[in-house]
Amino acid sequence: MAEPLILFSTTGHIRHLQFNRAEKMNAANRKLLSELSLAYADADADHNIRVVVVSAVGPHFTAGLDLADVLGTASESGLNLTPEAGIDPWGITTPPISKPVVIAVQGTCLTLGVELILASELTVADETTIFGQLEVTRGIMPFGGATTRFAQRVGWAHASRYLLTGETFTAGEALRIGLVNEVVPAGTQVDRAMELAALIAEQAPLAVQATLRNARVARAAAEREALSQLPHELGTLLASEDFRAGVAAFTTRSKPEFTGK
């Protein structure tokens, strides 16, 4: 029997989820995304759970989407992205649940990893963490909410630099611009995330959830139109020569040559 790609445990009112694909830098294939979606739904339905903590086994949080498994398939057969289904068919970045999510990251935290942060409430970063939103270097665009939520979180001046250049940045920079809440010594990020989750779990759960709902309603109107355009935009990019060039360059570790076609 295949080992699960999402491990979970429960401590008091806290559900702890861990990515378990360390040999692939926790890159998210369809199985991991599906298991994460189910784990979120299970935590949301469990009245005993008040906070979810997400971390990862191994030296890296996530290298992002497994392009060969997810986007490779999408480019051939079409990824089912519709305004009705949302921008995330797995329902993990939309935001995922009605309860607070605390993220603990280390090593590499790219693309999907950043989008998970943007859909969460609090993030603790190991001081070694490197962040990046790399889609433009592959000939595509973010489709997990970063086009709207990154700027909401850190301001467009900061978001535009990393969304449009594909540059990576350090944990210190992530703290400076406001992407993460805390940077802690290497190896202590999960312990600190659990401490923050415990503080939230001590509060009145109905009040915490009502606060989240109201905050999400306040920002949703500005997102709705932009997010509804993403399926068309992404579909056009997936059919482009630049996307094929970007993926080929990624797999061969070479510099892509984009033509705008």
C-alpha atoms as a PDB file:
ATOM      1  CA  MET A   1       0.000   0.000   0.000  1.00  0.00           C
ATOM      2  CA  ALA A   2       1.382   3.405  -0.995  1.00  0.00           C
ATOM      3  CA  GLU A   3       2.445   5.671   1.836  1.00  0.00           C
ATOM      4  CA  PRO A   4       0.143   8.692   2.268  1.00  0.00           C
ATOM      5  CA  LEU A   5       1.473  11.978   0.910  1.00  0.00           C
ATOM      6  CA  ILE A   6      -0.241  13.921   3.712  1.00  0.00           C
ATOM      7  CA  LEU A   7       0.478  12.818   7.271  1.00  0.00           C
ATOM      8  CA  PHE A   8      -1.789  14.076  10.039  1.00  0.00           C
ATOM      9  CA  SER A   9      -1.964  14.084  13.804  1.00  0.00           C
ATOM     10  CA  THR A  10      -4.127  15.826  16.412  1.00  0.00           C
ATOM     11  CA  THR A  11      -2.988  17.589  19.584  1.00  0.00           C
ATOM     12  CA  GLY A  12      -5.862  18.987  21.601  1.00  0.00           C
ATOM     13  CA  HIS A  13      -7.771  21.291  19.229  1.00  0.00           C
ATOM     14  CA  ILE A  14      -4.956  21.440  16.656  1.00  0.00           C
ATOM     15  CA  ARG A  15      -4.771  19.297  13.498  1.00  0.00           C
ATOM     16  CA  HIS A  16      -1.210  19.026  12.152  1.00  0.00           C
ATOM     17  CA  LEU A  17      -0.826  18.197   8.445  1.00  0.00           C
ATOM     18  CA  GLN A  18       2.562  17.381   6.881  1.00  0.00           C
ATOM     19  CA  PHE A  19       3.614  17.048   3.259  1.00  0.00           C
ATOM     20  CA  ASN A  20       5.248  13.632   2.903  1.00  0.00           C
ATOM     21  CA  ARG A  21       6.988  13.643  -0.467  1.00  0.00           C
ATOM     22  CA  ALA A  22      10.432  14.688   0.710  1.00  0.00           C
ATOM     23  CA  GLU A  23      12.257  12.724  -2.008  1.00  0.00           C
ATOM     24  CA  LYS A  24      10.631  15.068  -4.567  1.00  0.00           C
ATOM     25  CA  MET A  25      11.183  18.244  -2.481  1.00  0.00           C
ATOM     26  CA  ASN A  26       7.491  17.910  -1.569  1.00  0.00           C
ATOM     27  CA  ALA A  27       6.501  19.000  -5.062  1.00  0.00           C
ATOM     28  CA  ALA A  28       2.733  18.640  -5.242  1.00  0.00           C
ATOM     29  CA  ASN A  29       1.393  16.056  -7.655  1.00  0.00           C
ATOM     30  CA  ARG A  30      -2.315  15.361  -8.087  1.00  0.00           C
ATOM     31  CA  LYS A  31      -2.318  12.721  -5.345  1.00  0.00           C
ATOM     32  CA  LEU A  32      -0.790  15.093  -2.780  1.00  0.00           C
ATOM     33  CA  LEU A  33      -3.190  17.874  -3.762  1.00  0.00           C
ATOM     34  CA  SER A  34      -6.163  15.551  -3.469  1.00  0.00           C
ATOM     35  CA  GLU A  35      -5.036  14.244  -0.066  1.00  0.00           C
ATOM     36  CA  LEU A  36      -4.452  17.783   1.195  1.00  0.00           C
ATOM     37  CA  SER A  37      -7.900  18.849   0.032  1.00  0.00           C
ATOM     38  CA  LEU A  38      -9.489  15.897   1.852  1.00  0.00           C
ATOM     39  CA  ALA A  39      -7.427  16.590   4.992  1.00  0.00           C
ATOM     40  CA  TYR A  40      -8.578  20.215   5.032  1.00  0.00           C
ATOM     41  CA  ALA A  41     -12.202  19.145   4.592  1.00  0.00           C
ATOM     42  CA  ASP A  42     -11.913  16.600   7.391  1.00  0.00           C
ATOM     43  CA  ALA A  43     -10.425  19.185   9.772  1.00  0.00           C
ATOM     44  CA  ASP A  44     -13.137  21.671   8.851  1.00  0.00           C
ATOM     45  CA  ALA A  45     -15.876  19.142   9.571  1.00  0.00           C
ATOM     46  CA  ASP A  46     -14.408  18.095  12.921  1.00  0.00           C
ATOM     47  CA  HIS A  47     -15.970  20.240  15.650  1.00  0.00           C
ATOM     48  CA  ASN A  48     -13.043  19.473  17.973  1.00  0.00           C
ATOM     49  CA  ILE A  49     -10.509  21.045  15.594  1.00  0.00           C
ATOM     50  CA  ARG A  50     -10.046  24.804  15.948  1.00  0.00           C
ATOM     51  CA  VAL A  51      -6.738  25.424  14.118  1.00  0.00           C
ATOM     52  CA  VAL A  52      -4.805  23.653  11.367  1.00  0.00           C
ATOM     53  CA  VAL A  53      -0.992  23.666  11.165  1.00  0.00           C
ATOM     54  CA  VAL A  54       0.675  22.758   7.853  1.00  0.00           C
ATOM     55  CA  SER A  55       4.343  21.784   7.611  1.00  0.00           C
ATOM     56  CA  ALA A  56       6.491  19.353   5.634  1.00  0.00           C
ATOM     57  CA  VAL A  57       8.737  16.344   6.174  1.00  0.00           C
ATOM     58  CA  GLY A  58      12.352  16.814   5.105  1.00  0.00           C
ATOM     59  CA  PRO A  59      14.534  19.826   4.335  1.00  0.00           C
ATOM     60  CA  HIS A  60      12.049  21.575   1.993  1.00  0.00           C
ATOM     61  CA  PHE A  61       8.497  22.834   2.432  1.00  0.00           C
ATOM     62  CA  THR A  62       7.587  22.511  -1.246  1.00  0.00           C
ATOM     63  CA  ALA A  63       9.146  23.105  -4.649  1.00  0.00           C
ATOM     64  CA  GLY A  64       5.644  23.957  -5.892  1.00  0.00           C
ATOM     65  CA  LEU A  65       3.569  21.994  -8.372  1.00  0.00           C
ATOM     66  CA  ASP A  66       4.989  18.858  -9.933  1.00  0.00           C
ATOM     67  CA  LEU A  67       4.940  20.191 -13.490  1.00  0.00           C
ATOM     68  CA  ALA A  68       5.228  16.779 -15.135  1.00  0.00           C
ATOM     69  CA  ASP A  69       2.237  15.468 -13.218  1.00  0.00           C
ATOM     70  CA  VAL A  70      -0.023  18.524 -13.067  1.00  0.00           C
ATOM     71  CA  LEU A  71       0.823  21.090 -15.747  1.00  0.00           C
ATOM     72  CA  GLY A  72       2.088  18.540 -18.247  1.00  0.00           C
ATOM     73  CA  THR A  73      -1.296  16.893 -18.152  1.00  0.00           C
ATOM     74  CA  ALA A  74      -3.006  20.272 -18.260  1.00  0.00           C
ATOM     75  CA  SER A  75      -1.180  21.306 -21.418  1.00  0.00           C
ATOM     76  CA  GLU A  76      -2.321  18.152 -23.226  1.00  0.00           C
ATOM     77  CA  SER A  77      -5.874  17.640 -22.014  1.00  0.00           C
ATOM     78  CA  GLY A  78      -6.879  20.889 -20.363  1.00  0.00           C
ATOM     79  CA  LEU A  79      -7.025  21.616 -16.659  1.00  0.00           C
ATOM     80  CA  ASN A  80     -10.615  21.999 -15.489  1.00  0.00           C
ATOM     81  CA  LEU A  81     -10.468  25.610 -14.369  1.00  0.00           C
ATOM     82  CA  THR A  82     -13.801  27.383 -14.579  1.00  0.00           C
ATOM     83  CA  PRO A  83     -15.203  30.393 -12.718  1.00  0.00           C
ATOM     84  CA  GLU A  84     -17.697  28.025 -11.091  1.00  0.00           C
ATOM     85  CA  ALA A  85     -15.018  25.574  -9.939  1.00  0.00           C
ATOM     86  CA  GLY A  86     -12.747  28.401  -8.849  1.00  0.00           C
ATOM     87  CA  ILE A  87      -9.110  28.877  -9.676  1.00  0.00           C
ATOM     88  CA  ASP A  88      -8.046  25.838  -7.691  1.00  0.00           C
ATOM     89  CA  PRO A  89      -9.830  22.580  -8.572  1.00  0.00           C
ATOM     90  CA  TRP A  90      -8.467  20.961  -5.395  1.00  0.00           C
ATOM     91  CA  GLY A  91      -9.862  23.684  -3.154  1.00  0.00           C
ATOM     92  CA  ILE A  92      -6.698  24.332  -1.155  1.00  0.00           C
ATOM     93  CA  THR A  93      -5.960  27.998  -1.893  1.00  0.00           C
ATOM     94  CA  THR A  94      -9.403  29.552  -2.071  1.00  0.00           C
ATOM     95  CA  PRO A  95      -8.987  29.874   1.082  1.00  0.00           C
ATOM     96  CA  PRO A  96      -9.390  26.258   2.125  1.00  0.00           C
ATOM     97  CA  ILE A  97     -11.422  26.141   5.337  1.00  0.00           C
ATOM     98  CA  SER A  98     -13.392  28.196   7.847  1.00  0.00           C
ATOM     99  CA  LYS A  99     -10.766  27.703  10.575  1.00  0.00           C
ATOM    100  CA  PRO A 100      -7.386  29.439  10.897  1.00  0.00           C
ATOM    101  CA  VAL A 101      -4.412  27.867   9.122  1.00  0.00           C
ATOM    102  CA  VAL A 102      -0.855  28.334  10.395  1.00  0.00           C
ATOM    103  CA  ILE A 103       1.986  27.446   7.998  1.00  0.00           C
ATOM    104  CA  ALA A 104       5.529  26.419   8.996  1.00  0.00           C
ATOM    105  CA  VAL A 105       8.045  26.582   6.135  1.00  0.00           C
ATOM    106  CA  GLN A 106      11.691  25.690   5.600  1.00  0.00           C
ATOM    107  CA  GLY A 107      14.193  25.209   2.799  1.00  0.00           C
ATOM    108  CA  THR A 108      12.389  25.819  -0.490  1.00  0.00           C
ATOM    109  CA  CYS A 109       8.933  27.428  -0.594  1.00  0.00           C
ATOM    110  CA  LEU A 110       8.029  28.109  -4.223  1.00  0.00           C
ATOM    111  CA  THR A 111       4.889  28.946  -6.229  1.00  0.00           C
ATOM    112  CA  LEU A 112       2.169  26.768  -4.657  1.00  0.00           C
ATOM    113  CA  GLY A 113       3.940  27.131  -1.312  1.00  0.00           C
ATOM    114  CA  VAL A 114       3.619  30.912  -1.480  1.00  0.00           C
ATOM    115  CA  GLU A 115      -0.023  30.587  -2.554  1.00  0.00           C
ATOM    116  CA  LEU A 116      -0.745  28.372   0.453  1.00  0.00           C
ATOM    117  CA  ILE A 117       0.775  31.076   2.661  1.00  0.00           C
ATOM    118  CA  LEU A 118      -1.423  33.694   1.004  1.00  0.00           C
ATOM    119  CA  ALA A 119      -4.504  31.570   1.770  1.00  0.00           C
ATOM    120  CA  SER A 120      -3.491  31.104   5.406  1.00  0.00           C
ATOM    121  CA  GLU A 121      -3.606  33.315   8.475  1.00  0.00           C
ATOM    122  CA  LEU A 122      -0.105  33.016   9.984  1.00  0.00           C
ATOM    123  CA  THR A 123       3.261  31.819   8.684  1.00  0.00           C
ATOM    124  CA  VAL A 124       6.468  30.971  10.534  1.00  0.00           C
ATOM    125  CA  ALA A 125       9.607  30.644   8.399  1.00  0.00           C
ATOM    126  CA  ASP A 126      12.828  28.860   9.191  1.00  0.00           C
ATOM    127  CA  GLU A 127      15.658  31.365   8.615  1.00  0.00           C
ATOM    128  CA  THR A 128      16.989  29.195   5.761  1.00  0.00           C
ATOM    129  CA  THR A 129      13.819  29.418   3.675  1.00  0.00           C
ATOM    130  CA  ILE A 130      13.957  30.646   0.068  1.00  0.00           C
ATOM    131  CA  PHE A 131      10.709  31.879  -1.479  1.00  0.00           C
ATOM    132  CA  GLY A 132       9.697  32.437  -5.080  1.00  0.00           C
ATOM    133  CA  GLN A 133       6.778  32.874  -7.463  1.00  0.00           C
ATOM    134  CA  LEU A 134       8.357  31.462 -10.629  1.00  0.00           C
ATOM    135  CA  GLU A 135       5.491  31.016 -13.077  1.00  0.00           C
ATOM    136  CA  VAL A 136       6.593  33.711 -15.534  1.00  0.00           C
ATOM    137  CA  THR A 137       9.890  31.854 -15.975  1.00  0.00           C
ATOM    138  CA  ARG A 138       7.882  28.849 -17.212  1.00  0.00           C
ATOM    139  CA  GLY A 139       5.659  30.750 -19.613  1.00  0.00           C
ATOM    140  CA  ILE A 140       2.549  30.668 -17.424  1.00  0.00           C
ATOM    141  CA  MET A 141       1.039  32.709 -14.592  1.00  0.00           C
ATOM    142  CA  PRO A 142       0.084  32.019 -10.963  1.00  0.00           C
ATOM    143  CA  PHE A 143      -3.343  30.428 -10.723  1.00  0.00           C
ATOM    144  CA  GLY A 144      -3.611  29.784  -6.992  1.00  0.00           C
ATOM    145  CA  GLY A 145      -4.578  33.345  -6.084  1.00  0.00           C
ATOM    146  CA  ALA A 146      -1.172  35.058  -6.057  1.00  0.00           C
ATOM    147  CA  THR A 147      -2.196  37.554  -8.750  1.00  0.00           C
ATOM    148  CA  THR A 148      -4.542  39.161  -6.234  1.00  0.00           C
ATOM    149  CA  ARG A 149      -3.539  38.005  -2.756  1.00  0.00           C
ATOM    150  CA  PHE A 150       0.195  38.685  -2.996  1.00  0.00           C
ATOM    151  CA  ALA A 151      -0.452  42.394  -3.528  1.00  0.00           C
ATOM    152  CA  GLN A 152      -3.149  42.412  -0.838  1.00  0.00           C
ATOM    153  CA  ARG A 153      -0.640  40.947   1.611  1.00  0.00           C
ATOM    154  CA  VAL A 154       2.510  42.945   0.833  1.00  0.00           C
ATOM    155  CA  GLY A 155       1.451  45.799  -1.491  1.00  0.00           C
ATOM    156  CA  TRP A 156       1.845  45.923  -5.264  1.00  0.00           C
ATOM    157  CA  ALA A 157       5.314  47.503  -5.125  1.00  0.00           C
ATOM    158  CA  HIS A 158       6.697  44.386  -3.461  1.00  0.00           C
ATOM    159  CA  ALA A 159       4.426  41.848  -5.151  1.00  0.00           C
ATOM    160  CA  SER A 160       5.130  43.100  -8.672  1.00  0.00           C
ATOM    161  CA  ARG A 161       8.866  42.620  -8.263  1.00  0.00           C
ATOM    162  CA  TYR A 162       8.566  38.928  -7.487  1.00  0.00           C
ATOM    163  CA  LEU A 163       5.515  38.117  -9.617  1.00  0.00           C
ATOM    164  CA  LEU A 164       6.969  39.730 -12.750  1.00  0.00           C
ATOM    165  CA  THR A 165      10.674  38.869 -12.422  1.00  0.00           C
ATOM    166  CA  GLY A 166      10.497  35.339 -11.009  1.00  0.00           C
ATOM    167  CA  GLU A 167      13.290  36.236  -8.577  1.00  0.00           C
ATOM    168  CA  THR A 168      13.655  34.227  -5.401  1.00  0.00           C
ATOM    169  CA  PHE A 169      14.014  35.899  -2.008  1.00  0.00           C
ATOM    170  CA  THR A 170      15.074  35.104   1.532  1.00  0.00           C
ATOM    171  CA  ALA A 171      13.146  34.596   4.751  1.00  0.00           C
ATOM    172  CA  GLY A 172      14.434  37.965   5.948  1.00  0.00           C
ATOM    173  CA  GLU A 173      12.985  39.658   2.872  1.00  0.00           C
ATOM    174  CA  ALA A 174       9.705  37.763   3.298  1.00  0.00           C
ATOM    175  CA  LEU A 175       9.468  39.136   6.832  1.00  0.00           C
ATOM    176  CA  ARG A 176      10.411  42.661   5.731  1.00  0.00           C
ATOM    177  CA  ILE A 177       7.665  42.859   3.111  1.00  0.00           C
ATOM    178  CA  GLY A 178       5.077  41.150   5.317  1.00  0.00           C
ATOM    179  CA  LEU A 179       4.646  37.798   3.569  1.00  0.00           C
ATOM    180  CA  VAL A 180       5.464  35.879   6.764  1.00  0.00           C
ATOM    181  CA  ASN A 181       4.817  36.719  10.407  1.00  0.00           C
ATOM    182  CA  GLU A 182       7.992  35.417  12.019  1.00  0.00           C
ATOM    183  CA  VAL A 183      11.442  34.107  11.097  1.00  0.00           C
ATOM    184  CA  VAL A 184      12.917  31.653  13.581  1.00  0.00           C
ATOM    185  CA  PRO A 185      16.151  29.660  13.955  1.00  0.00           C
ATOM    186  CA  ALA A 186      16.561  26.656  11.679  1.00  0.00           C
ATOM    187  CA  GLY A 187      14.553  23.657  12.763  1.00  0.00           C
ATOM    188  CA  THR A 188      12.244  25.476  15.195  1.00  0.00           C
ATOM    189  CA  GLN A 189       9.522  26.608  12.785  1.00  0.00           C
ATOM    190  CA  VAL A 190       7.060  23.797  13.564  1.00  0.00           C
ATOM    191  CA  ASP A 191       7.355  24.242  17.329  1.00  0.00           C
ATOM    192  CA  ARG A 192       6.688  27.969  16.979  1.00  0.00           C
ATOM    193  CA  ALA A 193       3.758  27.388  14.618  1.00  0.00           C
ATOM    194  CA  MET A 194       2.250  24.976  17.139  1.00  0.00           C
ATOM    195  CA  GLU A 195       2.688  27.606  19.882  1.00  0.00           C
ATOM    196  CA  LEU A 196       0.809  30.189  17.806  1.00  0.00           C
ATOM    197  CA  ALA A 197      -1.883  27.647  16.946  1.00  0.00           C
ATOM    198  CA  ALA A 198      -2.298  26.865  20.648  1.00  0.00           C
ATOM    199  CA  LEU A 199      -2.825  30.571  21.387  1.00  0.00           C
ATOM    200  CA  ILE A 200      -5.543  30.764  18.736  1.00  0.00           C
ATOM    201  CA  ALA A 201      -7.128  27.524  19.956  1.00  0.00           C
ATOM    202  CA  GLU A 202      -7.540  29.040  23.442  1.00  0.00           C
ATOM    203  CA  GLN A 203      -9.866  31.728  22.071  1.00  0.00           C
ATOM    204  CA  ALA A 204     -13.610  31.436  21.478  1.00  0.00           C
ATOM    205  CA  PRO A 205     -13.866  29.350  18.285  1.00  0.00           C
ATOM    206  CA  LEU A 206     -17.080  30.972  17.048  1.00  0.00           C
ATOM    207  CA  ALA A 207     -15.546  34.430  17.463  1.00  0.00           C
ATOM    208  CA  VAL A 208     -12.365  33.381  15.639  1.00  0.00           C
ATOM    209  CA  GLN A 209     -14.322  31.903  12.732  1.00  0.00           C
ATOM    210  CA  ALA A 210     -16.637  34.930  12.522  1.00  0.00           C
ATOM    211  CA  THR A 211     -13.600  37.211  12.382  1.00  0.00           C
ATOM    212  CA  LEU A 212     -12.183  35.168   9.492  1.00  0.00           C
ATOM    213  CA  ARG A 213     -15.482  35.196   7.610  1.00  0.00           C
ATOM    214  CA  ASN A 214     -15.863  38.953   7.886  1.00  0.00           C
ATOM    215  CA  ALA A 215     -12.281  39.623   6.783  1.00  0.00           C
ATOM    216  CA  ARG A 216     -12.669  37.318   3.802  1.00  0.00           C
ATOM    217  CA  VAL A 217     -15.920  38.973   2.717  1.00  0.00           C
ATOM    218  CA  ALA A 218     -14.194  42.352   2.861  1.00  0.00           C
ATOM    219  CA  ARG A 219     -11.529  41.313   0.373  1.00  0.00           C
ATOM    220  CA  ALA A 220     -13.571  38.933  -1.814  1.00  0.00           C
ATOM    221  CA  ALA A 221     -15.345  41.538  -3.954  1.00  0.00           C
ATOM    222  CA  ALA A 222     -12.077  42.904  -5.309  1.00  0.00           C
ATOM    223  CA  GLU A 223     -10.837  39.386  -6.077  1.00  0.00           C
ATOM    224  CA  ARG A 224     -13.908  37.940  -7.708  1.00  0.00           C
ATOM    225  CA  GLU A 225     -13.658  39.505 -11.153  1.00  0.00           C
ATOM    226  CA  ALA A 226      -9.899  39.010 -11.431  1.00  0.00           C
ATOM    227  CA  LEU A 227     -10.124  35.373 -10.395  1.00  0.00           C
ATOM    228  CA  SER A 228     -12.967  34.671 -12.826  1.00  0.00           C
ATOM    229  CA  GLN A 229     -10.644  35.706 -15.682  1.00  0.00           C
ATOM    230  CA  LEU A 230      -7.885  33.281 -14.709  1.00  0.00           C
ATOM    231  CA  PRO A 231      -9.198  30.129 -16.450  1.00  0.00           C
ATOM    232  CA  HIS A 232      -9.229  31.874 -19.844  1.00  0.00           C
ATOM    233  CA  GLU A 233      -5.855  33.535 -19.287  1.00  0.00           C
ATOM    234  CA  LEU A 234      -4.203  30.329 -18.141  1.00  0.00           C
ATOM    235  CA  GLY A 235      -5.772  28.279 -20.931  1.00  0.00           C
ATOM    236  CA  THR A 236      -4.316  30.662 -23.508  1.00  0.00           C
ATOM    237  CA  LEU A 237      -0.867  30.412 -21.926  1.00  0.00           C
ATOM    238  CA  LEU A 238      -0.949  26.614 -21.749  1.00  0.00           C
ATOM    239  CA  ALA A 239      -1.468  26.536 -25.518  1.00  0.00           C
ATOM    240  CA  SER A 240       1.450  28.879 -26.221  1.00  0.00           C
ATOM    241  CA  GLU A 241       4.916  28.120 -27.566  1.00  0.00           C
ATOM    242  CA  ASP A 242       6.350  30.039 -24.615  1.00  0.00           C
ATOM    243  CA  PHE A 243       4.817  27.561 -22.152  1.00  0.00           C
ATOM    244  CA  ARG A 244       6.370  24.635 -24.015  1.00  0.00           C
ATOM    245  CA  ALA A 245       9.704  26.451 -24.080  1.00  0.00           C
ATOM    246  CA  GLY A 246       9.473  27.256 -20.379  1.00  0.00           C
ATOM    247  CA  VAL A 247       8.726  23.677 -19.357  1.00  0.00           C
ATOM    248  CA  ALA A 248      11.451  22.328 -21.659  1.00  0.00           C
ATOM    249  CA  ALA A 249      13.972  24.727 -20.154  1.00  0.00           C
ATOM    250  CA  PHE A 250      12.898  23.734 -16.652  1.00  0.00           C
ATOM    251  CA  THR A 251      13.371  20.022 -17.340  1.00  0.00           C
ATOM    252  CA  THR A 252      16.785  20.552 -18.977  1.00  0.00           C
ATOM    253  CA  ARG A 253      17.913  23.199 -16.456  1.00  0.00           C
ATOM    254  CA  SER A 254      18.581  25.649 -19.287  1.00  0.00           C
ATOM    255  CA  LYS A 255      17.582  29.266 -19.934  1.00  0.00           C
ATOM    256  CA  PRO A 256      14.339  29.549 -21.924  1.00  0.00           C
ATOM    257  CA  GLU A 257      14.077  31.631 -25.063  1.00  0.00           C
ATOM    258  CA  PHE A 258      10.625  33.212 -25.153  1.00  0.00           C
ATOM    259  CA  THR A 259       9.206  34.582 -28.398  1.00  0.00           C
ATOM    260  CA  GLY A 260       5.826  35.906 -27.267  1.00  0.00           C
ATOM    261  CA  LYS A 261       3.985  33.253 -29.259  1.00  0.00           C
END
